[in-house]
C-alpha atoms as a PDB file:
ATOM      1  CA  UNK A   1     101.481  58.426 132.209  1.00  0.00           C
ATOM      2  CA  UNK A   2     100.409  62.044 133.001  1.00  0.00           C
ATOM      3  CA  UNK A   3     101.622  65.085 134.671  1.00  0.00           C
ATOM      4  CA  UNK A   4      98.768  66.722 135.945  1.00  0.00           C
ATOM      5  CA  UNK A   5      98.868  70.319 137.446  1.00  0.00           C
ATOM      6  CA  UNK A   6      95.710  72.776 138.371  1.00  0.00           C
ATOM      7  CA  UNK A   7      95.894  76.201 136.894  1.00  0.00           C
ATOM      8  CA  UNK A   8      96.179  78.551 139.116  1.00  0.00           C
ATOM      9  CA  UNK A   9      93.826  80.922 137.282  1.00  0.00           C
ATOM     10  CA  UNK A  10      90.637  79.447 136.385  1.00  0.00           C
ATOM     11  CA  UNK A  11      91.271  76.458 138.186  1.00  0.00           C
ATOM     12  CA  UNK A  12      90.602  72.814 135.797  1.00  0.00           C
ATOM     13  CA  UNK A  13      93.222  69.966 136.930  1.00  0.00           C
ATOM     14  CA  UNK A  14      95.180  69.215 133.765  1.00  0.00           C
ATOM     15  CA  UNK A  15      96.579  66.123 132.125  1.00  0.00           C
ATOM     16  CA  UNK A  16      99.213  66.330 129.979  1.00  0.00           C
ATOM     17  CA  UNK A  17     101.521  63.577 128.292  1.00  0.00           C
ATOM     18  CA  UNK A  18     103.457  62.920 130.145  1.00  0.00           C
ATOM     19  CA  UNK A  19     106.153  62.114 126.164  1.00  0.00           C
ATOM     20  CA  UNK A  20     105.359  65.497 125.614  1.00  0.00           C
ATOM     21  CA  UNK A  21     108.537  67.907 125.048  1.00  0.00           C
ATOM     22  CA  UNK A  22     105.757  71.169 127.445  1.00  0.00           C
ATOM     23  CA  UNK A  23     105.237  71.359 130.023  1.00  0.00           C
ATOM     24  CA  UNK A  24     101.980  71.458 130.032  1.00  0.00           C
ATOM     25  CA  UNK A  25     101.622  75.327 132.008  1.00  0.00           C
ATOM     26  CA  UNK A  26     103.101  78.543 131.963  1.00  0.00           C
ATOM     27  CA  UNK A  27     104.162  80.217 134.479  1.00  0.00           C
ATOM     28  CA  UNK A  28     103.325  83.926 135.593  1.00  0.00           C
ATOM     29  CA  UNK A  29     105.235  86.980 137.397  1.00  0.00           C
ATOM     30  CA  UNK A  30     103.781  85.147 140.669  1.00  0.00           C
ATOM     31  CA  UNK A  31     105.672  81.472 139.665  1.00  0.00           C
ATOM     32  CA  UNK A  32     101.579  80.257 139.191  1.00  0.00           C
ATOM     33  CA  UNK A  33     101.061  77.351 136.878  1.00  0.00           C
ATOM     34  CA  UNK A  34      98.653  78.414 133.727  1.00  0.00           C
ATOM     35  CA  UNK A  35      96.803  76.471 131.418  1.00  0.00           C
ATOM     36  CA  UNK A  36      97.987  77.638 127.986  1.00  0.00           C
ATOM     37  CA  UNK A  37      94.130  78.277 127.354  1.00  0.00           C
ATOM     38  CA  UNK A  38      94.317  81.292 130.071  1.00  0.00           C
ATOM     39  CA  UNK A  39      98.312  82.707 129.407  1.00  0.00           C
ATOM     40  CA  UNK A  40      95.744  83.529 125.434  1.00  0.00           C
ATOM     41  CA  UNK A  41      93.698  84.291 127.897  1.00  0.00           C
ATOM     42  CA  UNK A  42      95.561  86.813 130.473  1.00  0.00           C
ATOM     43  CA  UNK A  43      97.926  87.725 126.368  1.00  0.00           C
ATOM     44  CA  UNK A  44      94.529  89.340 125.684  1.00  0.00           C
ATOM     45  CA  UNK A  45      93.981  90.863 128.569  1.00  0.00           C
ATOM     46  CA  UNK A  46      97.316  92.485 128.700  1.00  0.00           C
ATOM     47  CA  UNK A  47      97.181  93.630 125.056  1.00  0.00           C
ATOM     48  CA  UNK A  48      94.144  95.522 124.983  1.00  0.00           C
ATOM     49  CA  UNK A  49      95.173  97.253 128.572  1.00  0.00           C
ATOM     50  CA  UNK A  50      98.351  97.673 127.703  1.00  0.00           C
ATOM     51  CA  UNK A  51      98.953  97.959 123.760  1.00  0.00           C
ATOM     52  CA  UNK A  52     101.533  95.985 123.530  1.00  0.00           C
ATOM     53  CA  UNK A  53     103.240  92.777 123.848  1.00  0.00           C
ATOM     54  CA  UNK A  54     106.207  90.183 122.924  1.00  0.00           C
ATOM     55  CA  UNK A  55     104.896  87.127 120.405  1.00  0.00           C
ATOM     56  CA  UNK A  56     106.104  84.998 118.562  1.00  0.00           C
ATOM     57  CA  UNK A  57     105.981  85.608 114.355  1.00  0.00           C
ATOM     58  CA  UNK A  58     105.152  81.896 111.864  1.00  0.00           C
ATOM     59  CA  UNK A  59     104.306  80.409 108.736  1.00  0.00           C
ATOM     60  CA  UNK A  60     101.990  78.552 108.486  1.00  0.00           C
ATOM     61  CA  UNK A  61     102.243  75.374 106.569  1.00  0.00           C
ATOM     62  CA  UNK A  62     100.109  76.849 103.879  1.00  0.00           C
ATOM     63  CA  UNK A  63     103.127  80.047 103.999  1.00  0.00           C
ATOM     64  CA  UNK A  64     100.607  82.977 105.454  1.00  0.00           C
ATOM     65  CA  UNK A  65     102.202  84.700 108.293  1.00  0.00           C
ATOM     66  CA  UNK A  66     100.264  83.926 112.015  1.00  0.00           C
ATOM     67  CA  UNK A  67     101.178  85.427 115.049  1.00  0.00           C
ATOM     68  CA  UNK A  68     100.955  83.159 118.370  1.00  0.00           C
ATOM     69  CA  UNK A  69     101.969  83.396 121.650  1.00  0.00           C
ATOM     70  CA  UNK A  70     104.044  81.101 122.958  1.00  0.00           C
ATOM     71  CA  UNK A  71     102.638  77.506 123.413  1.00  0.00           C
ATOM     72  CA  UNK A  72     100.550  79.015 120.649  1.00  0.00           C
ATOM     73  CA  UNK A  73      96.448  79.121 122.023  1.00  0.00           C
ATOM     74  CA  UNK A  74      96.294  83.034 120.638  1.00  0.00           C
ATOM     75  CA  UNK A  75      97.117  83.486 117.146  1.00  0.00           C
ATOM     76  CA  UNK A  76      96.445  86.195 114.808  1.00  0.00           C
ATOM     77  CA  UNK A  77      97.051  85.816 110.472  1.00  0.00           C
ATOM     78  CA  UNK A  78      98.733  88.669 109.365  1.00  0.00           C
ATOM     79  CA  UNK A  79      96.548  90.917 107.098  1.00  0.00           C
ATOM     80  CA  UNK A  80      99.673  91.811 105.781  1.00  0.00           C
ATOM     81  CA  UNK A  81     103.781  91.816 105.211  1.00  0.00           C
ATOM     82  CA  UNK A  82     106.746  94.057 104.012  1.00  0.00           C
ATOM     83  CA  UNK A  83     110.046  92.257 103.918  1.00  0.00           C
ATOM     84  CA  UNK A  84     112.939  95.672 104.385  1.00  0.00           C
ATOM     85  CA  UNK A  85     116.703  96.270 106.091  1.00  0.00           C
ATOM     86  CA  UNK A  86     117.198  96.409 109.751  1.00  0.00           C
ATOM     87  CA  UNK A  87     121.277  97.961 110.413  1.00  0.00           C
ATOM     88  CA  UNK A  88     121.780  94.550 112.786  1.00  0.00           C
ATOM     89  CA  UNK A  89     119.457  92.324 111.289  1.00  0.00           C
ATOM     90  CA  UNK A  90     120.312  92.329 108.528  1.00  0.00           C
ATOM     91  CA  UNK A  91     116.504  91.830 107.563  1.00  0.00           C
ATOM     92  CA  UNK A  92     113.242  93.483 109.038  1.00  0.00           C
ATOM     93  CA  UNK A  93     109.702  91.600 108.543  1.00  0.00           C
ATOM     94  CA  UNK A  94     106.717  93.963 109.200  1.00  0.00           C
ATOM     95  CA  UNK A  95     103.754  92.686 109.226  1.00  0.00           C
ATOM     96  CA  UNK A  96      99.826  94.369 110.603  1.00  0.00           C
ATOM     97  CA  UNK A  97      96.925  92.142 112.083  1.00  0.00           C
ATOM     98  CA  UNK A  98      93.685  92.370 113.915  1.00  0.00           C
ATOM     99  CA  UNK A  99      93.824  91.699 117.671  1.00  0.00           C
ATOM    100  CA  UNK A 100      91.621  91.650 120.125  1.00  0.00           C
ATOM    101  CA  UNK A 101      90.330  94.391 120.498  1.00  0.00           C
ATOM    102  CA  UNK A 102      89.179  95.271 116.797  1.00  0.00           C
ATOM    103  CA  UNK A 103      91.825  97.885 116.246  1.00  0.00           C
ATOM    104  CA  UNK A 104      95.311  97.600 114.114  1.00  0.00           C
ATOM    105  CA  UNK A 105      97.605  95.676 115.370  1.00  0.00           C
ATOM    106  CA  UNK A 106     101.702  96.163 113.494  1.00  0.00           C
ATOM    107  CA  UNK A 107     104.597  94.060 114.322  1.00  0.00           C
ATOM    108  CA  UNK A 108     108.123  93.869 113.430  1.00  0.00           C
ATOM    109  CA  UNK A 109     110.871  91.678 113.729  1.00  0.00           C
ATOM    110  CA  UNK A 110     114.425  91.705 113.166  1.00  0.00           C
ATOM    111  CA  UNK A 111     117.150  88.781 111.546  1.00  0.00           C
ATOM    112  CA  UNK A 112     116.951  85.408 110.173  1.00  0.00           C
ATOM    113  CA  UNK A 113     117.066  84.173 113.866  1.00  0.00           C
ATOM    114  CA  UNK A 114     114.414  84.176 116.112  1.00  0.00           C
ATOM    115  CA  UNK A 115     110.724  84.934 115.450  1.00  0.00           C
ATOM    116  CA  UNK A 116     110.087  86.780 118.192  1.00  0.00           C
ATOM    117  CA  UNK A 117     107.379  90.242 116.767  1.00  0.00           C
ATOM    118  CA  UNK A 118     107.675  92.963 119.257  1.00  0.00           C
ATOM    119  CA  UNK A 119     103.958  94.285 118.534  1.00  0.00           C
ATOM    120  CA  UNK A 120     102.369  97.188 118.783  1.00  0.00           C
ATOM    121  CA  UNK A 121      98.498  98.936 118.770  1.00  0.00           C
ATOM    122  CA  UNK A 122      97.815 101.141 115.753  1.00  0.00           C
ATOM    123  CA  UNK A 123      95.570 104.160 116.126  1.00  0.00           C
ATOM    124  CA  UNK A 124      94.470 102.976 111.960  1.00  0.00           C
ATOM    125  CA  UNK A 125      90.740 101.253 112.235  1.00  0.00           C
ATOM    126  CA  UNK A 126      91.081  99.466 108.914  1.00  0.00           C
ATOM    127  CA  UNK A 127      93.741  98.581 106.659  1.00  0.00           C
END
Protein backbone atom coordinates (compact mmCIF):
# COMPACT_ATOMS: atom_id res chain seq x y z
CA UNK A 1 0.00 0.00 0.00
CA UNK A 2 1.06 3.56 -0.62
CA UNK A 3 0.33 7.06 0.57
CA UNK A 4 -0.69 9.34 -2.29
CA UNK A 5 -0.65 13.15 -2.27
CA UNK A 6 -0.36 16.03 -4.70
CA UNK A 7 2.63 18.35 -4.32
CA UNK A 8 1.34 21.90 -4.06
CA UNK A 9 4.49 23.21 -5.74
CA UNK A 10 5.00 21.02 -8.84
CA UNK A 11 1.44 19.62 -8.88
CA UNK A 12 2.73 16.06 -9.40
CA UNK A 13 0.89 13.17 -7.77
CA UNK A 14 3.40 11.48 -5.49
CA UNK A 15 3.11 7.89 -4.29
CA UNK A 16 5.05 7.04 -1.13
CA UNK A 17 5.35 3.57 0.51
CA UNK A 18 2.95 3.13 3.44
CA UNK A 19 5.57 1.23 5.48
CA UNK A 20 8.13 4.04 5.19
CA UNK A 21 9.14 5.83 8.38
CA UNK A 22 8.52 9.23 6.73
CA UNK A 23 5.43 10.91 5.34
CA UNK A 24 6.93 11.39 1.87
CA UNK A 25 6.42 15.14 1.96
CA UNK A 26 7.35 18.31 3.78
CA UNK A 27 4.94 21.01 4.85
CA UNK A 28 5.61 24.65 3.99
CA UNK A 29 4.79 27.63 6.21
CA UNK A 30 1.28 27.79 4.72
CA UNK A 31 0.55 24.14 5.58
CA UNK A 32 0.87 22.87 1.99
CA UNK A 33 2.34 19.44 1.25
CA UNK A 34 5.58 19.67 -0.76
CA UNK A 35 7.36 16.67 -2.32
CA UNK A 36 10.96 16.04 -1.27
CA UNK A 37 12.35 17.20 -4.65
CA UNK A 38 10.54 20.54 -4.33
CA UNK A 39 11.78 20.86 -0.73
CA UNK A 40 15.33 20.76 -2.12
CA UNK A 41 14.53 23.37 -4.77
CA UNK A 42 12.91 25.68 -2.21
CA UNK A 43 15.92 25.31 0.10
CA UNK A 44 18.26 26.22 -2.81
CA UNK A 45 16.18 29.31 -3.58
CA UNK A 46 16.22 30.33 0.07
CA UNK A 47 19.99 29.94 0.23
CA UNK A 48 20.45 32.13 -2.85
CA UNK A 49 18.01 34.77 -1.61
CA UNK A 50 18.83 34.97 2.12
CA UNK A 51 22.47 33.82 2.25
CA UNK A 52 21.85 31.69 5.33
CA UNK A 53 19.98 28.51 6.26
CA UNK A 54 19.97 25.80 8.89
CA UNK A 55 20.70 22.38 7.39
CA UNK A 56 22.12 19.08 8.72
CA UNK A 57 25.72 17.92 9.08
CA UNK A 58 25.96 14.19 8.37
CA UNK A 59 28.66 11.71 7.45
CA UNK A 60 28.66 9.46 4.41
CA UNK A 61 29.67 5.81 4.75
CA UNK A 62 33.15 6.88 3.63
CA UNK A 63 33.42 9.18 6.68
CA UNK A 64 33.27 12.34 4.52
CA UNK A 65 31.10 15.12 5.95
CA UNK A 66 28.05 16.16 3.97
CA UNK A 67 25.52 19.00 4.35
CA UNK A 68 21.90 18.03 3.59
CA UNK A 69 18.39 19.31 4.02
CA UNK A 70 15.91 17.29 6.09
CA UNK A 71 14.71 14.85 3.39
CA UNK A 72 18.17 14.61 1.79
CA UNK A 73 16.99 16.04 -1.54
CA UNK A 74 19.66 18.76 -1.32
CA UNK A 75 23.24 17.75 -0.51
CA UNK A 76 26.68 19.34 -0.58
CA UNK A 77 30.03 17.63 -0.03
CA UNK A 78 32.16 19.35 2.59
CA UNK A 79 35.53 20.49 1.24
CA UNK A 80 37.14 21.28 4.62
CA UNK A 81 36.24 20.65 8.24
CA UNK A 82 37.72 21.57 11.59
CA UNK A 83 36.93 20.39 15.12
CA UNK A 84 37.21 22.78 18.02
CA UNK A 85 35.86 23.58 21.46
CA UNK A 86 32.54 25.16 22.32
CA UNK A 87 31.80 26.76 25.68
CA UNK A 88 28.35 25.16 26.00
CA UNK A 89 28.26 22.19 23.61
CA UNK A 90 31.78 21.03 24.46
CA UNK A 91 32.78 20.51 20.83
CA UNK A 92 32.22 22.50 17.67
CA UNK A 93 32.56 21.38 14.07
CA UNK A 94 33.18 24.01 11.39
CA UNK A 95 32.73 23.07 7.73
CA UNK A 96 33.18 24.81 4.39
CA UNK A 97 31.43 23.81 1.17
CA UNK A 98 30.45 25.21 -2.22
CA UNK A 99 26.78 26.17 -2.22
CA UNK A 100 24.19 26.18 -5.01
CA UNK A 101 25.24 29.71 -6.01
CA UNK A 102 28.90 28.56 -6.45
CA UNK A 103 29.92 30.67 -3.45
CA UNK A 104 31.86 29.28 -0.50
CA UNK A 105 29.58 28.59 2.47
CA UNK A 106 30.56 28.11 6.11
CA UNK A 107 28.59 26.01 8.56
CA UNK A 108 28.98 25.17 12.22
CA UNK A 109 27.47 22.61 14.55
CA UNK A 110 27.91 22.60 18.33
CA UNK A 111 28.00 19.51 20.53
CA UNK A 112 27.82 15.82 19.80
CA UNK A 113 24.07 15.39 20.24
CA UNK A 114 22.81 17.33 17.23
CA UNK A 115 23.23 17.35 13.48
CA UNK A 116 21.88 20.89 13.03
CA UNK A 117 24.33 22.99 11.04
CA UNK A 118 23.99 26.77 10.84
CA UNK A 119 25.18 27.76 7.36
CA UNK A 120 26.02 31.15 5.91
CA UNK A 121 27.42 32.33 2.57
CA UNK A 122 30.93 33.81 2.83
CA UNK A 123 32.50 36.51 0.67
CA UNK A 124 35.18 34.07 -0.47
CA UNK A 125 35.02 32.71 -4.00
CA UNK A 126 37.70 30.02 -3.69
CA UNK A 127 39.01 27.65 -1.05
